[in-house]
């Protein structure tokens, strides 16, 4: 799934070849495409943001209490909610910044788009992969903490 927003022209960071990315700038998108962008952004934020937020909220608990069986029976709902809402807000902020970058990159009166250098850290490319990588990293940290907690116990 892709929101379709991004630079029309991209440049490979290895060979410097310019190619058509299949994406469109904000001003090139129809009202339907812009609406779809926000719907998909909200879905991404809820699914990926909530998953990352929950995983991140378990890390401090694992550090404090160790193995899962030592965790308090009453969950700290407020603490988890703050993590989840923070990750959701971050993803929506990134999407908003992508729109701003698109507007800066390709104004209404410009004829051609500017080629953007591809990179893993560029939010105009592979955003889903970046956030899923964040989730996997948080999952690995949590898993390692639980393993070390079980070894100590």
Protein backbone atom coordinates (compact mmCIF):
# COMPACT_ATOMS: atom_id res chain seq x y z
CA UNK A 1 0.00 0.00 0.00
CA UNK A 2 1.28 3.42 -0.90
CA UNK A 3 -0.14 6.86 -0.41
CA UNK A 4 1.26 7.83 -3.81
CA UNK A 5 2.78 11.09 -2.56
CA UNK A 6 6.39 11.74 -3.42
CA UNK A 7 8.76 13.08 -6.00
CA UNK A 8 7.90 12.10 -9.56
CA UNK A 9 11.58 11.84 -10.40
CA UNK A 10 14.04 10.00 -8.19
CA UNK A 11 17.78 9.47 -8.39
CA UNK A 12 19.40 6.20 -7.33
CA UNK A 13 21.89 6.83 -4.53
CA UNK A 14 24.20 4.13 -5.94
CA UNK A 15 24.40 4.78 -9.67
CA UNK A 16 22.85 8.30 -9.77
CA UNK A 17 20.39 7.24 -12.51
CA UNK A 18 17.22 9.36 -12.64
CA UNK A 19 13.99 7.36 -12.94
CA UNK A 20 10.23 7.84 -12.70
CA UNK A 21 9.16 6.89 -9.15
CA UNK A 22 5.48 6.39 -9.99
CA UNK A 23 4.56 8.92 -7.30
CA UNK A 24 3.02 12.35 -7.67
CA UNK A 25 3.55 15.67 -5.97
CA UNK A 26 0.77 17.18 -3.83
CA UNK A 27 -0.32 19.69 -6.51
CA UNK A 28 -0.53 16.89 -9.09
CA UNK A 29 -2.92 14.81 -6.99
CA UNK A 30 -6.70 14.96 -7.43
CA UNK A 31 -9.08 15.61 -4.53
CA UNK A 32 -9.78 11.86 -4.40
CA UNK A 33 -6.03 11.07 -4.26
CA UNK A 34 -5.50 13.63 -1.49
CA UNK A 35 -8.41 12.15 0.48
CA UNK A 36 -7.02 8.65 -0.05
CA UNK A 37 -3.62 9.91 1.14
CA UNK A 38 -5.13 11.05 4.46
CA UNK A 39 -7.24 7.90 4.89
CA UNK A 40 -4.19 5.69 4.33
CA UNK A 41 -2.11 7.94 6.59
CA UNK A 42 -4.63 7.52 9.40
CA UNK A 43 -4.67 3.74 8.86
CA UNK A 44 -0.83 3.68 8.94
CA UNK A 45 -0.80 5.82 12.06
CA UNK A 46 -3.30 3.64 13.88
CA UNK A 47 -1.86 0.26 12.88
CA UNK A 48 1.86 0.97 12.86
CA UNK A 49 1.82 3.80 15.41
CA UNK A 50 -0.28 1.87 17.91
CA UNK A 51 1.86 -1.25 17.45
CA UNK A 52 5.10 0.68 17.95
CA UNK A 53 3.61 2.60 20.86
CA UNK A 54 2.49 -0.54 22.66
CA UNK A 55 5.84 -2.22 22.07
CA UNK A 56 7.71 0.87 23.28
CA UNK A 57 5.53 1.05 26.41
CA UNK A 58 6.46 -2.52 27.36
CA UNK A 59 10.20 -1.81 27.27
CA UNK A 60 10.31 0.35 30.44
CA UNK A 61 8.02 -2.13 32.20
CA UNK A 62 10.34 -5.00 31.30
CA UNK A 63 13.34 -3.02 32.54
CA UNK A 64 11.55 -2.24 35.81
CA UNK A 65 9.84 -5.57 36.57
CA UNK A 66 11.78 -8.11 34.50
CA UNK A 67 9.87 -11.19 33.33
CA UNK A 68 6.22 -10.86 32.35
CA UNK A 69 5.05 -12.85 35.39
CA UNK A 70 6.48 -10.12 37.67
CA UNK A 71 4.55 -7.32 35.98
CA UNK A 72 1.80 -5.76 38.09
CA UNK A 73 -1.61 -7.23 37.32
CA UNK A 74 -3.14 -3.79 36.75
CA UNK A 75 -1.92 -2.31 33.51
CA UNK A 76 -0.80 1.33 33.51
CA UNK A 77 -3.35 2.42 30.88
CA UNK A 78 -2.28 6.08 30.96
CA UNK A 79 1.39 5.19 30.36
CA UNK A 80 0.57 2.97 27.38
CA UNK A 81 -1.86 5.53 25.97
CA UNK A 82 0.82 8.23 26.01
CA UNK A 83 3.22 5.99 24.06
CA UNK A 84 0.57 4.95 21.54
CA UNK A 85 -0.71 8.49 20.98
CA UNK A 86 2.87 9.78 20.67
CA UNK A 87 3.70 7.31 17.90
CA UNK A 88 0.39 8.00 16.11
CA UNK A 89 1.03 11.75 16.32
CA UNK A 90 4.58 11.27 15.02
CA UNK A 91 3.41 9.34 11.96
CA UNK A 92 0.75 11.95 11.17
CA UNK A 93 3.37 14.69 11.63
CA UNK A 94 5.69 12.90 9.17
CA UNK A 95 2.86 12.72 6.63
CA UNK A 96 2.13 16.42 7.11
CA UNK A 97 5.84 17.22 6.59
CA UNK A 98 5.82 15.11 3.41
CA UNK A 99 3.06 17.36 2.05
CA UNK A 100 5.06 20.46 3.01
CA UNK A 101 8.19 19.04 1.32
CA UNK A 102 6.18 18.28 -1.80
CA UNK A 103 4.85 21.84 -1.91
CA UNK A 104 8.38 23.21 -1.54
CA UNK A 105 9.76 20.82 -4.14
CA UNK A 106 7.08 21.34 -6.76
CA UNK A 107 5.15 24.59 -6.69
CA UNK A 108 1.87 25.12 -8.56
CA UNK A 109 3.57 27.05 -11.35
CA UNK A 110 6.52 24.71 -11.90
CA UNK A 111 6.67 22.61 -15.03
CA UNK A 112 9.15 19.91 -14.00
CA UNK A 113 9.70 18.03 -10.77
CA UNK A 114 13.13 17.91 -9.16
CA UNK A 115 14.83 14.50 -8.92
CA UNK A 116 15.25 13.46 -5.27
CA UNK A 117 18.05 11.18 -4.13
CA UNK A 118 16.70 7.87 -2.81
CA UNK A 119 17.80 6.76 0.62
CA UNK A 120 16.47 4.58 3.45
CA UNK A 121 16.31 7.67 5.67
CA UNK A 122 14.42 9.82 3.16
CA UNK A 123 10.76 9.93 4.24
CA UNK A 124 9.65 10.34 0.62
CA UNK A 125 10.57 6.70 -0.06
CA UNK A 126 9.79 3.42 1.71
CA UNK A 127 7.97 5.00 4.64
CA UNK A 128 6.14 1.76 5.47
CA UNK A 129 9.42 -0.14 5.51
CA UNK A 130 10.96 2.47 7.81
CA UNK A 131 8.13 2.29 10.35
CA UNK A 132 7.95 -1.51 10.16
CA UNK A 133 11.72 -1.58 10.75
CA UNK A 134 11.15 0.58 13.82
CA UNK A 135 8.54 -1.90 15.07
CA UNK A 136 10.88 -4.86 14.48
CA UNK A 137 13.70 -3.03 16.29
CA UNK A 138 11.42 -2.36 19.28
CA UNK A 139 10.27 -5.99 19.21
CA UNK A 140 13.91 -7.18 19.22
CA UNK A 141 14.78 -4.87 22.13
CA UNK A 142 11.78 -6.16 24.10
CA UNK A 143 12.70 -9.75 23.30
CA UNK A 144 16.31 -9.26 24.38
CA UNK A 145 15.18 -7.60 27.62
CA UNK A 146 12.85 -10.51 28.36
CA UNK A 147 15.60 -13.04 27.63
CA UNK A 148 18.00 -11.24 29.98
CA UNK A 149 15.23 -10.93 32.61
CA UNK A 150 14.57 -14.68 32.40
CA UNK A 151 18.30 -15.43 32.72
CA UNK A 152 18.50 -13.25 35.85
CA UNK A 153 15.38 -14.79 37.39
